[in-house]
């Protein structure tokens, strides 16, 4: 039972760090690509086709 006194705070700290990193990435627009989505739908090229075709 003494190990729980160590594991619970460690897991809360690691979860807090992950939550902070997630909110930091949203704040710094890491997930935004509005122009790429708008142009990708009109393209004839597929992402998986070779460059030479």
C-alpha atoms as a PDB file:
ATOM      1  CA  UNK A   1       0.000   0.000   0.000  1.00  0.00           C
ATOM      2  CA  UNK A   2       2.955   2.358   0.475  1.00  0.00           C
ATOM      3  CA  UNK A   3       3.686   2.234  -3.243  1.00  0.00           C
ATOM      4  CA  UNK A   4       0.331   3.929  -3.895  1.00  0.00           C
ATOM      5  CA  UNK A   5       1.572   6.955  -1.958  1.00  0.00           C
ATOM      6  CA  UNK A   6       4.283   7.291  -4.613  1.00  0.00           C
ATOM      7  CA  UNK A   7       2.460   6.192  -7.758  1.00  0.00           C
ATOM      8  CA  UNK A   8      -0.641   8.372  -7.385  1.00  0.00           C
ATOM      9  CA  UNK A   9       1.238  11.705  -7.132  1.00  0.00           C
ATOM     10  CA  UNK A  10       3.630  10.675  -9.906  1.00  0.00           C
ATOM     11  CA  UNK A  11       0.742   9.801 -12.217  1.00  0.00           C
ATOM     12  CA  UNK A  12      -1.027  13.079 -11.415  1.00  0.00           C
ATOM     13  CA  UNK A  13       2.124  15.065 -12.176  1.00  0.00           C
ATOM     14  CA  UNK A  14       2.681  13.228 -15.466  1.00  0.00           C
ATOM     15  CA  UNK A  15      -0.971  13.711 -16.418  1.00  0.00           C
ATOM     16  CA  UNK A  16      -0.688  17.411 -15.620  1.00  0.00           C
ATOM     17  CA  UNK A  17       2.398  17.706 -17.804  1.00  0.00           C
ATOM     18  CA  UNK A  18       0.574  16.004 -20.665  1.00  0.00           C
ATOM     19  CA  UNK A  19      -2.452  18.254 -20.239  1.00  0.00           C
ATOM     20  CA  UNK A  20      -0.221  21.331 -20.211  1.00  0.00           C
ATOM     21  CA  UNK A  21       1.521  20.172 -23.403  1.00  0.00           C
ATOM     22  CA  UNK A  22      -1.851  19.591 -25.083  1.00  0.00           C
ATOM     23  CA  UNK A  23      -3.151  23.054 -24.240  1.00  0.00           C
ATOM     24  CA  UNK A  24       0.185  24.603 -25.260  1.00  0.00           C
ATOM     25  CA  UNK A  25      -0.067  22.937 -28.672  1.00  0.00           C
ATOM     26  CA  UNK A  26      -3.622  24.208 -29.174  1.00  0.00           C
ATOM     27  CA  UNK A  27      -2.618  27.732 -28.117  1.00  0.00           C
ATOM     28  CA  UNK A  28       0.275  27.771 -30.598  1.00  0.00           C
ATOM     29  CA  UNK A  29      -1.938  26.599 -33.512  1.00  0.00           C
ATOM     30  CA  UNK A  30      -0.174  23.272 -33.999  1.00  0.00           C
ATOM     31  CA  UNK A  31      -3.336  21.638 -35.370  1.00  0.00           C
ATOM     32  CA  UNK A  32      -4.436  24.382 -37.775  1.00  0.00           C
ATOM     33  CA  UNK A  33      -4.059  23.891 -41.530  1.00  0.00           C
ATOM     34  CA  UNK A  34      -6.993  25.715 -43.139  1.00  0.00           C
ATOM     35  CA  UNK A  35      -5.267  26.447 -46.454  1.00  0.00           C
ATOM     36  CA  UNK A  36      -3.989  22.897 -46.858  1.00  0.00           C
ATOM     37  CA  UNK A  37      -7.455  21.408 -46.449  1.00  0.00           C
ATOM     38  CA  UNK A  38      -8.977  23.873 -48.911  1.00  0.00           C
ATOM     39  CA  UNK A  39      -6.415  23.076 -51.613  1.00  0.00           C
ATOM     40  CA  UNK A  40      -6.217  19.344 -50.981  1.00  0.00           C
ATOM     41  CA  UNK A  41      -9.863  18.718 -51.904  1.00  0.00           C
ATOM     42  CA  UNK A  42      -9.345  20.284 -55.355  1.00  0.00           C
ATOM     43  CA  UNK A  43      -6.099  18.487 -56.200  1.00  0.00           C
ATOM     44  CA  UNK A  44      -5.917  15.693 -58.765  1.00  0.00           C
ATOM     45  CA  UNK A  45      -2.888  14.217 -57.035  1.00  0.00           C
ATOM     46  CA  UNK A  46      -3.216  11.694 -54.276  1.00  0.00           C
ATOM     47  CA  UNK A  47      -0.872  11.759 -51.302  1.00  0.00           C
ATOM     48  CA  UNK A  48       0.182   8.157 -51.918  1.00  0.00           C
ATOM     49  CA  UNK A  49       1.030   8.496 -55.621  1.00  0.00           C
ATOM     50  CA  UNK A  50       4.702   8.749 -56.671  1.00  0.00           C
ATOM     51  CA  UNK A  51       6.101  12.182 -57.503  1.00  0.00           C
ATOM     52  CA  UNK A  52       7.029  11.208 -61.115  1.00  0.00           C
ATOM     53  CA  UNK A  53       3.465  10.370 -62.225  1.00  0.00           C
END
